[in-house]
Amino acid sequence: TAYKNLGFDIKDYPNAYALFENAI
């Protein structure tokens, strides 16, 4: 939320999201 409120959108960081999605 803090960084969404600063204007950042996860759509602009597809590699970061892909790493997160299946990380354990």
mmCIF file of all heavy atoms, coordinates in Angstrom:
data_MODEL
# 
_entry.id   MODEL 
# 
loop_
_atom_site.group_PDB 
_atom_site.id 
_atom_site.type_symbol 
_atom_site.label_atom_id 
_atom_site.label_alt_id 
_atom_site.label_comp_id 
_atom_site.label_asym_id 
_atom_site.label_entity_id 
_atom_site.label_seq_id 
_atom_site.pdbx_PDB_ins_code 
_atom_site.Cartn_x 
_atom_site.Cartn_y 
_atom_site.Cartn_z 
_atom_site.occupancy 
_atom_site.B_iso_or_equiv 
_atom_site.pdbx_formal_charge 
_atom_site.auth_seq_id 
_atom_site.auth_comp_id 
_atom_site.auth_asym_id 
_atom_site.auth_atom_id 
_atom_site.pdbx_PDB_model_num 
ATOM 1   N N   . THR A 1 1  ? 0.824  -1.221  0.000   1.00 0.00 ? 1  THR A N   1 
ATOM 2   C CA  . THR A 1 1  ? 0.000  0.000   0.000   1.00 0.00 ? 1  THR A CA  1 
ATOM 3   C C   . THR A 1 1  ? 0.856  1.269   0.000   1.00 0.00 ? 1  THR A C   1 
ATOM 4   O O   . THR A 1 1  ? 0.572  2.223   -0.736  1.00 0.00 ? 1  THR A O   1 
ATOM 5   C CB  . THR A 1 1  ? -0.932 0.002   1.225   1.00 0.00 ? 1  THR A CB  1 
ATOM 6   O OG1 . THR A 1 1  ? -1.789 -1.145  1.156   1.00 0.00 ? 1  THR A OG1 1 
ATOM 7   C CG2 . THR A 1 1  ? -1.783 1.268   1.268   1.00 0.00 ? 1  THR A CG2 1 
ATOM 8   N N   . ALA A 1 2  ? 1.902  1.284   0.819   1.00 0.00 ? 2  ALA A N   1 
ATOM 9   C CA  . ALA A 1 2  ? 2.738  2.491   0.932   1.00 0.00 ? 2  ALA A CA  1 
ATOM 10  C C   . ALA A 1 2  ? 3.295  2.917   -0.414  1.00 0.00 ? 2  ALA A C   1 
ATOM 11  O O   . ALA A 1 2  ? 3.357  4.120   -0.726  1.00 0.00 ? 2  ALA A O   1 
ATOM 12  C CB  . ALA A 1 2  ? 3.880  2.241   1.913   1.00 0.00 ? 2  ALA A CB  1 
ATOM 13  N N   . TYR A 1 3  ? 3.697  1.946   -1.229  1.00 0.00 ? 3  TYR A N   1 
ATOM 14  C CA  . TYR A 1 3  ? 4.333  2.262   -2.506  1.00 0.00 ? 3  TYR A CA  1 
ATOM 15  C C   . TYR A 1 3  ? 3.310  2.431   -3.623  1.00 0.00 ? 3  TYR A C   1 
ATOM 16  O O   . TYR A 1 3  ? 3.549  3.188   -4.574  1.00 0.00 ? 3  TYR A O   1 
ATOM 17  C CB  . TYR A 1 3  ? 5.409  1.218   -2.819  1.00 0.00 ? 3  TYR A CB  1 
ATOM 18  C CG  . TYR A 1 3  ? 6.465  1.269   -1.738  1.00 0.00 ? 3  TYR A CG  1 
ATOM 19  C CD1 . TYR A 1 3  ? 6.413  0.388   -0.653  1.00 0.00 ? 3  TYR A CD1 1 
ATOM 20  C CD2 . TYR A 1 3  ? 7.443  2.252   -1.738  1.00 0.00 ? 3  TYR A CD2 1 
ATOM 21  C CE1 . TYR A 1 3  ? 7.335  0.474   0.382   1.00 0.00 ? 3  TYR A CE1 1 
ATOM 22  C CE2 . TYR A 1 3  ? 8.371  2.343   -0.705  1.00 0.00 ? 3  TYR A CE2 1 
ATOM 23  C CZ  . TYR A 1 3  ? 8.310  1.456   0.348   1.00 0.00 ? 3  TYR A CZ  1 
ATOM 24  O OH  . TYR A 1 3  ? 9.219  1.568   1.377   1.00 0.00 ? 3  TYR A OH  1 
ATOM 25  N N   . LYS A 1 4  ? 2.159  1.781   -3.495  1.00 0.00 ? 4  LYS A N   1 
ATOM 26  C CA  . LYS A 1 4  ? 1.043  2.091   -4.397  1.00 0.00 ? 4  LYS A CA  1 
ATOM 27  C C   . LYS A 1 4  ? 0.660  3.563   -4.246  1.00 0.00 ? 4  LYS A C   1 
ATOM 28  O O   . LYS A 1 4  ? 0.397  4.259   -5.224  1.00 0.00 ? 4  LYS A O   1 
ATOM 29  C CB  . LYS A 1 4  ? -0.167 1.211   -4.082  1.00 0.00 ? 4  LYS A CB  1 
ATOM 30  C CG  . LYS A 1 4  ? -0.025 -0.247  -4.462  1.00 0.00 ? 4  LYS A CG  1 
ATOM 31  C CD  . LYS A 1 4  ? -1.283 -1.018  -4.058  1.00 0.00 ? 4  LYS A CD  1 
ATOM 32  C CE  . LYS A 1 4  ? -1.176 -2.496  -4.338  1.00 0.00 ? 4  LYS A CE  1 
ATOM 33  N NZ  . LYS A 1 4  ? -2.384 -3.236  -3.880  1.00 0.00 ? 4  LYS A NZ  1 
ATOM 34  N N   . ASN A 1 5  ? 0.630  4.011   -2.985  1.00 0.00 ? 5  ASN A N   1 
ATOM 35  C CA  . ASN A 1 5  ? 0.261  5.403   -2.719  1.00 0.00 ? 5  ASN A CA  1 
ATOM 36  C C   . ASN A 1 5  ? 1.289  6.400   -3.246  1.00 0.00 ? 5  ASN A C   1 
ATOM 37  O O   . ASN A 1 5  ? 0.977  7.582   -3.427  1.00 0.00 ? 5  ASN A O   1 
ATOM 38  C CB  . ASN A 1 5  ? 0.062  5.618   -1.214  1.00 0.00 ? 5  ASN A CB  1 
ATOM 39  C CG  . ASN A 1 5  ? -1.184 4.924   -0.690  1.00 0.00 ? 5  ASN A CG  1 
ATOM 40  O OD1 . ASN A 1 5  ? -2.069 4.546   -1.454  1.00 0.00 ? 5  ASN A OD1 1 
ATOM 41  N ND2 . ASN A 1 5  ? -1.260 4.743   0.624   1.00 0.00 ? 5  ASN A ND2 1 
ATOM 42  N N   . LEU A 1 6  ? 2.509  5.918   -3.478  1.00 0.00 ? 6  LEU A N   1 
ATOM 43  C CA  . LEU A 1 6  ? 3.540  6.774   -4.080  1.00 0.00 ? 6  LEU A CA  1 
ATOM 44  C C   . LEU A 1 6  ? 3.485  6.742   -5.604  1.00 0.00 ? 6  LEU A C   1 
ATOM 45  O O   . LEU A 1 6  ? 4.285  7.411   -6.271  1.00 0.00 ? 6  LEU A O   1 
ATOM 46  C CB  . LEU A 1 6  ? 4.928  6.337   -3.607  1.00 0.00 ? 6  LEU A CB  1 
ATOM 47  C CG  . LEU A 1 6  ? 5.269  6.621   -2.137  1.00 0.00 ? 6  LEU A CG  1 
ATOM 48  C CD1 . LEU A 1 6  ? 6.609  5.995   -1.773  1.00 0.00 ? 6  LEU A CD1 1 
ATOM 49  C CD2 . LEU A 1 6  ? 5.281  8.115   -1.857  1.00 0.00 ? 6  LEU A CD2 1 
ATOM 50  N N   . GLY A 1 7  ? 2.554  5.953   -6.156  1.00 0.00 ? 7  GLY A N   1 
ATOM 51  C CA  . GLY A 1 7  ? 2.355  5.936   -7.601  1.00 0.00 ? 7  GLY A CA  1 
ATOM 52  C C   . GLY A 1 7  ? 2.958  4.751   -8.328  1.00 0.00 ? 7  GLY A C   1 
ATOM 53  O O   . GLY A 1 7  ? 2.905  4.684   -9.557  1.00 0.00 ? 7  GLY A O   1 
ATOM 54  N N   . PHE A 1 8  ? 3.510  3.785   -7.591  1.00 0.00 ? 8  PHE A N   1 
ATOM 55  C CA  . PHE A 1 8  ? 4.114  2.628   -8.244  1.00 0.00 ? 8  PHE A CA  1 
ATOM 56  C C   . PHE A 1 8  ? 3.053  1.574   -8.551  1.00 0.00 ? 8  PHE A C   1 
ATOM 57  O O   . PHE A 1 8  ? 2.146  1.345   -7.757  1.00 0.00 ? 8  PHE A O   1 
ATOM 58  C CB  . PHE A 1 8  ? 5.216  2.027   -7.372  1.00 0.00 ? 8  PHE A CB  1 
ATOM 59  C CG  . PHE A 1 8  ? 6.372  2.964   -7.147  1.00 0.00 ? 8  PHE A CG  1 
ATOM 60  C CD1 . PHE A 1 8  ? 6.533  3.608   -5.929  1.00 0.00 ? 8  PHE A CD1 1 
ATOM 61  C CD2 . PHE A 1 8  ? 7.280  3.221   -8.164  1.00 0.00 ? 8  PHE A CD2 1 
ATOM 62  C CE1 . PHE A 1 8  ? 7.592  4.482   -5.724  1.00 0.00 ? 8  PHE A CE1 1 
ATOM 63  C CE2 . PHE A 1 8  ? 8.345  4.092   -7.966  1.00 0.00 ? 8  PHE A CE2 1 
ATOM 64  C CZ  . PHE A 1 8  ? 8.500  4.728   -6.748  1.00 0.00 ? 8  PHE A CZ  1 
ATOM 65  N N   . ASP A 1 9  ? 3.187  0.925   -9.714  1.00 0.00 ? 9  ASP A N   1 
ATOM 66  C CA  . ASP A 1 9  ? 2.220  -0.074  -10.183 1.00 0.00 ? 9  ASP A CA  1 
ATOM 67  C C   . ASP A 1 9  ? 2.976  -1.354  -10.515 1.00 0.00 ? 9  ASP A C   1 
ATOM 68  O O   . ASP A 1 9  ? 3.941  -1.333  -11.283 1.00 0.00 ? 9  ASP A O   1 
ATOM 69  C CB  . ASP A 1 9  ? 1.504  0.456   -11.434 1.00 0.00 ? 9  ASP A CB  1 
ATOM 70  C CG  . ASP A 1 9  ? 0.339  -0.427  -11.867 1.00 0.00 ? 9  ASP A CG  1 
ATOM 71  O OD1 . ASP A 1 9  ? 0.380  -1.643  -11.609 1.00 0.00 ? 9  ASP A OD1 1 
ATOM 72  O OD2 . ASP A 1 9  ? -0.604 0.101   -12.485 1.00 0.00 ? 9  ASP A OD2 1 
ATOM 73  N N   . ILE A 1 10 ? 2.546  -2.473  -9.953  1.00 0.00 ? 10 ILE A N   1 
ATOM 74  C CA  . ILE A 1 10 ? 3.237  -3.753  -10.152 1.00 0.00 ? 10 ILE A CA  1 
ATOM 75  C C   . ILE A 1 10 ? 3.293  -4.140  -11.631 1.00 0.00 ? 10 ILE A C   1 
ATOM 76  O O   . ILE A 1 10 ? 4.200  -4.890  -12.046 1.00 0.00 ? 10 ILE A O   1 
ATOM 77  C CB  . ILE A 1 10 ? 2.580  -4.871  -9.306  1.00 0.00 ? 10 ILE A CB  1 
ATOM 78  C CG1 . ILE A 1 10 ? 3.481  -6.121  -9.255  1.00 0.00 ? 10 ILE A CG1 1 
ATOM 79  C CG2 . ILE A 1 10 ? 1.197  -5.187  -9.831  1.00 0.00 ? 10 ILE A CG2 1 
ATOM 80  C CD1 . ILE A 1 10 ? 4.824  -5.912  -8.630  1.00 0.00 ? 10 ILE A CD1 1 
ATOM 81  N N   . LYS A 1 11 ? 2.383  -3.641  -12.443 1.00 0.00 ? 11 LYS A N   1 
ATOM 82  C CA  . LYS A 1 11 ? 2.399  -3.948  -13.880 1.00 0.00 ? 11 LYS A CA  1 
ATOM 83  C C   . LYS A 1 11 ? 3.684  -3.470  -14.551 1.00 0.00 ? 11 LYS A C   1 
ATOM 84  O O   . LYS A 1 11 ? 4.078  -3.999  -15.593 1.00 0.00 ? 11 LYS A O   1 
ATOM 85  C CB  . LYS A 1 11 ? 1.192  -3.307  -14.564 1.00 0.00 ? 11 LYS A CB  1 
ATOM 86  C CG  . LYS A 1 11 ? -0.140 -3.922  -14.164 1.00 0.00 ? 11 LYS A CG  1 
ATOM 87  C CD  . LYS A 1 11 ? -1.302 -3.187  -14.820 1.00 0.00 ? 11 LYS A CD  1 
ATOM 88  C CE  . LYS A 1 11 ? -2.649 -3.741  -14.359 1.00 0.00 ? 11 LYS A CE  1 
ATOM 89  N NZ  . LYS A 1 11 ? -3.790 -2.958  -14.915 1.00 0.00 ? 11 LYS A NZ  1 
ATOM 90  N N   . ASP A 1 12 ? 4.328  -2.493  -13.936 1.00 0.00 ? 12 ASP A N   1 
ATOM 91  C CA  . ASP A 1 12 ? 5.581  -1.972  -14.494 1.00 0.00 ? 12 ASP A CA  1 
ATOM 92  C C   . ASP A 1 12 ? 6.792  -2.794  -14.062 1.00 0.00 ? 12 ASP A C   1 
ATOM 93  O O   . ASP A 1 12 ? 7.920  -2.497  -14.481 1.00 0.00 ? 12 ASP A O   1 
ATOM 94  C CB  . ASP A 1 12 ? 5.779  -0.515  -14.063 1.00 0.00 ? 12 ASP A CB  1 
ATOM 95  C CG  . ASP A 1 12 ? 4.681  0.401   -14.580 1.00 0.00 ? 12 ASP A CG  1 
ATOM 96  O OD1 . ASP A 1 12 ? 4.223  0.182   -15.723 1.00 0.00 ? 12 ASP A OD1 1 
ATOM 97  O OD2 . ASP A 1 12 ? 4.271  1.322   -13.837 1.00 0.00 ? 12 ASP A OD2 1 
ATOM 98  N N   . TYR A 1 13 ? 6.554  -3.825  -13.239 1.00 0.00 ? 13 TYR A N   1 
ATOM 99  C CA  . TYR A 1 13 ? 7.658  -4.633  -12.698 1.00 0.00 ? 13 TYR A CA  1 
ATOM 100 C C   . TYR A 1 13 ? 7.323  -6.120  -12.866 1.00 0.00 ? 13 TYR A C   1 
ATOM 101 O O   . TYR A 1 13 ? 7.226  -6.863  -11.878 1.00 0.00 ? 13 TYR A O   1 
ATOM 102 C CB  . TYR A 1 13 ? 7.899  -4.266  -11.232 1.00 0.00 ? 13 TYR A CB  1 
ATOM 103 C CG  . TYR A 1 13 ? 8.085  -2.783  -11.049 1.00 0.00 ? 13 TYR A CG  1 
ATOM 104 C CD1 . TYR A 1 13 ? 6.996  -1.949  -10.760 1.00 0.00 ? 13 TYR A CD1 1 
ATOM 105 C CD2 . TYR A 1 13 ? 9.341  -2.200  -11.211 1.00 0.00 ? 13 TYR A CD2 1 
ATOM 106 C CE1 . TYR A 1 13 ? 7.160  -0.579  -10.637 1.00 0.00 ? 13 TYR A CE1 1 
ATOM 107 C CE2 . TYR A 1 13 ? 9.506  -0.820  -11.093 1.00 0.00 ? 13 TYR A CE2 1 
ATOM 108 C CZ  . TYR A 1 13 ? 8.416  -0.016  -10.805 1.00 0.00 ? 13 TYR A CZ  1 
ATOM 109 O OH  . TYR A 1 13 ? 8.581  1.343   -10.694 1.00 0.00 ? 13 TYR A OH  1 
ATOM 110 N N   . PRO A 1 14 ? 7.152  -6.569  -14.108 1.00 0.00 ? 14 PRO A N   1 
ATOM 111 C CA  . PRO A 1 14 ? 6.689  -7.950  -14.349 1.00 0.00 ? 14 PRO A CA  1 
ATOM 112 C C   . PRO A 1 14 ? 7.670  -9.013  -13.865 1.00 0.00 ? 14 PRO A C   1 
ATOM 113 O O   . PRO A 1 14 ? 7.240  -10.090 -13.423 1.00 0.00 ? 14 PRO A O   1 
ATOM 114 C CB  . PRO A 1 14 ? 6.520  -8.007  -15.877 1.00 0.00 ? 14 PRO A CB  1 
ATOM 115 C CG  . PRO A 1 14 ? 7.420  -6.918  -16.409 1.00 0.00 ? 14 PRO A CG  1 
ATOM 116 C CD  . PRO A 1 14 ? 7.369  -5.838  -15.371 1.00 0.00 ? 14 PRO A CD  1 
ATOM 117 N N   . ASN A 1 15 ? 8.958  -8.744  -13.946 1.00 0.00 ? 15 ASN A N   1 
ATOM 118 C CA  . ASN A 1 15 ? 9.933  -9.750  -13.510 1.00 0.00 ? 15 ASN A CA  1 
ATOM 119 C C   . ASN A 1 15 ? 9.881  -9.944  -11.998 1.00 0.00 ? 15 ASN A C   1 
ATOM 120 O O   . ASN A 1 15 ? 9.993  -11.075 -11.496 1.00 0.00 ? 15 ASN A O   1 
ATOM 121 C CB  . ASN A 1 15 ? 11.345 -9.350  -13.936 1.00 0.00 ? 15 ASN A CB  1 
ATOM 122 C CG  . ASN A 1 15 ? 11.518 -9.347  -15.441 1.00 0.00 ? 15 ASN A CG  1 
ATOM 123 O OD1 . ASN A 1 15 ? 10.781 -10.011 -16.161 1.00 0.00 ? 15 ASN A OD1 1 
ATOM 124 N ND2 . ASN A 1 15 ? 12.476 -8.582  -15.935 1.00 0.00 ? 15 ASN A ND2 1 
ATOM 125 N N   . ALA A 1 16 ? 9.726  -8.844  -11.273 1.00 0.00 ? 16 ALA A N   1 
ATOM 126 C CA  . ALA A 1 16 ? 9.615  -8.933  -9.813  1.00 0.00 ? 16 ALA A CA  1 
ATOM 127 C C   . ALA A 1 16 ? 8.372  -9.735  -9.427  1.00 0.00 ? 16 ALA A C   1 
ATOM 128 O O   . ALA A 1 16 ? 8.424  -10.594 -8.535  1.00 0.00 ? 16 ALA A O   1 
ATOM 129 C CB  . ALA A 1 16 ? 9.562  -7.541  -9.200  1.00 0.00 ? 16 ALA A CB  1 
ATOM 130 N N   . TYR A 1 17 ? 7.266  -9.483  -10.111 1.00 0.00 ? 17 TYR A N   1 
ATOM 131 C CA  . TYR A 1 17 ? 6.040  -10.201 -9.771  1.00 0.00 ? 17 TYR A CA  1 
ATOM 132 C C   . TYR A 1 17 ? 6.171  -11.689 -10.088 1.00 0.00 ? 17 TYR A C   1 
ATOM 133 O O   . TYR A 1 17 ? 5.735  -12.544 -9.303  1.00 0.00 ? 17 TYR A O   1 
ATOM 134 C CB  . TYR A 1 17 ? 4.829  -9.625  -10.518 1.00 0.00 ? 17 TYR A CB  1 
ATOM 135 C CG  . TYR A 1 17 ? 3.545  -10.274 -10.072 1.00 0.00 ? 17 TYR A CG  1 
ATOM 136 C CD1 . TYR A 1 17 ? 2.957  -9.909  -8.859  1.00 0.00 ? 17 TYR A CD1 1 
ATOM 137 C CD2 . TYR A 1 17 ? 2.952  -11.295 -10.805 1.00 0.00 ? 17 TYR A CD2 1 
ATOM 138 C CE1 . TYR A 1 17 ? 1.801  -10.524 -8.407  1.00 0.00 ? 17 TYR A CE1 1 
ATOM 139 C CE2 . TYR A 1 17 ? 1.803  -11.927 -10.370 1.00 0.00 ? 17 TYR A CE2 1 
ATOM 140 C CZ  . TYR A 1 17 ? 1.230  -11.543 -9.162  1.00 0.00 ? 17 TYR A CZ  1 
ATOM 141 O OH  . TYR A 1 17 ? 0.092  -12.158 -8.710  1.00 0.00 ? 17 TYR A OH  1 
ATOM 142 N N   . ALA A 1 18 ? 6.801  -12.015 -11.214 1.00 0.00 ? 18 ALA A N   1 
ATOM 143 C CA  . ALA A 1 18 ? 6.967  -13.417 -11.597 1.00 0.00 ? 18 ALA A CA  1 
ATOM 144 C C   . ALA A 1 18 ? 7.832  -14.170 -10.576 1.00 0.00 ? 18 ALA A C   1 
ATOM 145 O O   . ALA A 1 18 ? 7.563  -15.335 -10.263 1.00 0.00 ? 18 ALA A O   1 
ATOM 146 C CB  . ALA A 1 18 ? 7.590  -13.510 -12.983 1.00 0.00 ? 18 ALA A CB  1 
ATOM 147 N N   . LEU A 1 19 ? 8.859  -13.509 -10.046 1.00 0.00 ? 19 LEU A N   1 
ATOM 148 C CA  . LEU A 1 19 ? 9.705  -14.135 -9.021  1.00 0.00 ? 19 LEU A CA  1 
ATOM 149 C C   . LEU A 1 19 ? 8.930  -14.364 -7.734  1.00 0.00 ? 19 LEU A C   1 
ATOM 150 O O   . LEU A 1 19 ? 9.102  -15.382 -7.054  1.00 0.00 ? 19 LEU A O   1 
ATOM 151 C CB  . LEU A 1 19 ? 10.923 -13.264 -8.743  1.00 0.00 ? 19 LEU A CB  1 
ATOM 152 C CG  . LEU A 1 19 ? 12.033 -13.252 -9.796  1.00 0.00 ? 19 LEU A CG  1 
ATOM 153 C CD1 . LEU A 1 19 ? 13.049 -12.163 -9.481  1.00 0.00 ? 19 LEU A CD1 1 
ATOM 154 C CD2 . LEU A 1 19 ? 12.722 -14.607 -9.861  1.00 0.00 ? 19 LEU A CD2 1 
ATOM 155 N N   . PHE A 1 20 ? 8.088  -13.417 -7.398  1.00 0.00 ? 20 PHE A N   1 
ATOM 156 C CA  . PHE A 1 20 ? 7.323  -13.486 -6.154  1.00 0.00 ? 20 PHE A CA  1 
ATOM 157 C C   . PHE A 1 20 ? 6.274  -14.594 -6.187  1.00 0.00 ? 20 PHE A C   1 
ATOM 158 O O   . PHE A 1 20 ? 6.039  -15.284 -5.190  1.00 0.00 ? 20 PHE A O   1 
ATOM 159 C CB  . PHE A 1 20 ? 6.648  -12.131 -5.911  1.00 0.00 ? 20 PHE A CB  1 
ATOM 160 C CG  . PHE A 1 20 ? 5.433  -12.168 -5.030  1.00 0.00 ? 20 PHE A CG  1 
ATOM 161 C CD1 . PHE A 1 20 ? 5.545  -12.377 -3.671  1.00 0.00 ? 20 PHE A CD1 1 
ATOM 162 C CD2 . PHE A 1 20 ? 4.157  -11.994 -5.579  1.00 0.00 ? 20 PHE A CD2 1 
ATOM 163 C CE1 . PHE A 1 20 ? 4.413  -12.408 -2.857  1.00 0.00 ? 20 PHE A CE1 1 
ATOM 164 C CE2 . PHE A 1 20 ? 3.034  -12.029 -4.780  1.00 0.00 ? 20 PHE A CE2 1 
ATOM 165 C CZ  . PHE A 1 20 ? 3.157  -12.242 -3.414  1.00 0.00 ? 20 PHE A CZ  1 
ATOM 166 N N   . GLU A 1 21 ? 5.668  -14.804 -7.342  1.00 0.00 ? 21 GLU A N   1 
ATOM 167 C CA  . GLU A 1 21 ? 4.467  -15.638 -7.435  1.00 0.00 ? 21 GLU A CA  1 
ATOM 168 C C   . GLU A 1 21 ? 4.697  -17.081 -7.001  1.00 0.00 ? 21 GLU A C   1 
ATOM 169 O O   . GLU A 1 21 ? 3.805  -17.711 -6.430  1.00 0.00 ? 21 GLU A O   1 
ATOM 170 C CB  . GLU A 1 21 ? 3.925  -15.597 -8.868  1.00 0.00 ? 21 GLU A CB  1 
ATOM 171 C CG  . GLU A 1 21 ? 2.513  -16.117 -8.975  1.00 0.00 ? 21 GLU A CG  1 
ATOM 172 C CD  . GLU A 1 21 ? 1.901  -15.858 -10.336 1.00 0.00 ? 21 GLU A CD  1 
ATOM 173 O OE1 . GLU A 1 21 ? 2.649  -15.767 -11.324 1.00 0.00 ? 21 GLU A OE1 1 
ATOM 174 O OE2 . GLU A 1 21 ? 0.666  -15.757 -10.413 1.00 0.00 ? 21 GLU A OE2 1 
ATOM 175 N N   . ASN A 1 22 ? 5.897  -17.622 -7.255  1.00 0.00 ? 22 ASN A N   1 
ATOM 176 C CA  . ASN A 1 22 ? 6.117  -19.024 -6.886  1.00 0.00 ? 22 ASN A CA  1 
ATOM 177 C C   . ASN A 1 22 ? 7.293  -19.185 -5.920  1.00 0.00 ? 22 ASN A C   1 
ATOM 178 O O   . ASN A 1 22 ? 7.939  -20.227 -5.871  1.00 0.00 ? 22 ASN A O   1 
ATOM 179 C CB  . ASN A 1 22 ? 6.321  -19.896 -8.127  1.00 0.00 ? 22 ASN A CB  1 
ATOM 180 C CG  . ASN A 1 22 ? 7.522  -19.479 -8.965  1.00 0.00 ? 22 ASN A CG  1 
ATOM 181 O OD1 . ASN A 1 22 ? 8.137  -18.448 -8.705  1.00 0.00 ? 22 ASN A OD1 1 
ATOM 182 N ND2 . ASN A 1 22 ? 7.851  -20.273 -9.975  1.00 0.00 ? 22 ASN A ND2 1 
ATOM 183 N N   . ALA A 1 23 ? 7.559  -18.139 -5.127  1.00 0.00 ? 23 ALA A N   1 
ATOM 184 C CA  . ALA A 1 23 ? 8.687  -18.154 -4.193  1.00 0.00 ? 23 ALA A CA  1 
ATOM 185 C C   . ALA A 1 23 ? 8.290  -18.749 -2.845  1.00 0.00 ? 23 ALA A C   1 
ATOM 186 O O   . ALA A 1 23 ? 7.221  -18.444 -2.309  1.00 0.00 ? 23 ALA A O   1 
ATOM 187 C CB  . ALA A 1 23 ? 9.208  -16.736 -3.990  1.00 0.00 ? 23 ALA A CB  1 
ATOM 188 N N   . ILE A 1 24 ? 9.162  -19.596 -2.330  1.00 0.00 ? 24 ILE A N   1 
ATOM 189 C CA  . ILE A 1 24 ? 9.015  -20.147 -0.970  1.00 0.00 ? 24 ILE A CA  1 
ATOM 190 C C   . ILE A 1 24 ? 10.393 -20.131 -0.317  1.00 0.00 ? 24 ILE A C   1 
ATOM 191 O O   . ILE A 1 24 ? 11.360 -20.632 -0.893  1.00 0.00 ? 24 ILE A O   1 
ATOM 192 C CB  . ILE A 1 24 ? 8.485  -21.594 -0.974  1.00 0.00 ? 24 ILE A CB  1 
ATOM 193 C CG1 . ILE A 1 24 ? 7.125  -21.690 -1.676  1.00 0.00 ? 24 ILE A CG1 1 
ATOM 194 C CG2 . ILE A 1 24 ? 8.382  -22.129 0.463   1.00 0.00 ? 24 ILE A CG2 1 
ATOM 195 C CD1 . ILE A 1 24 ? 6.622  -23.116 -1.856  1.00 0.00 ? 24 ILE A CD1 1 
# 
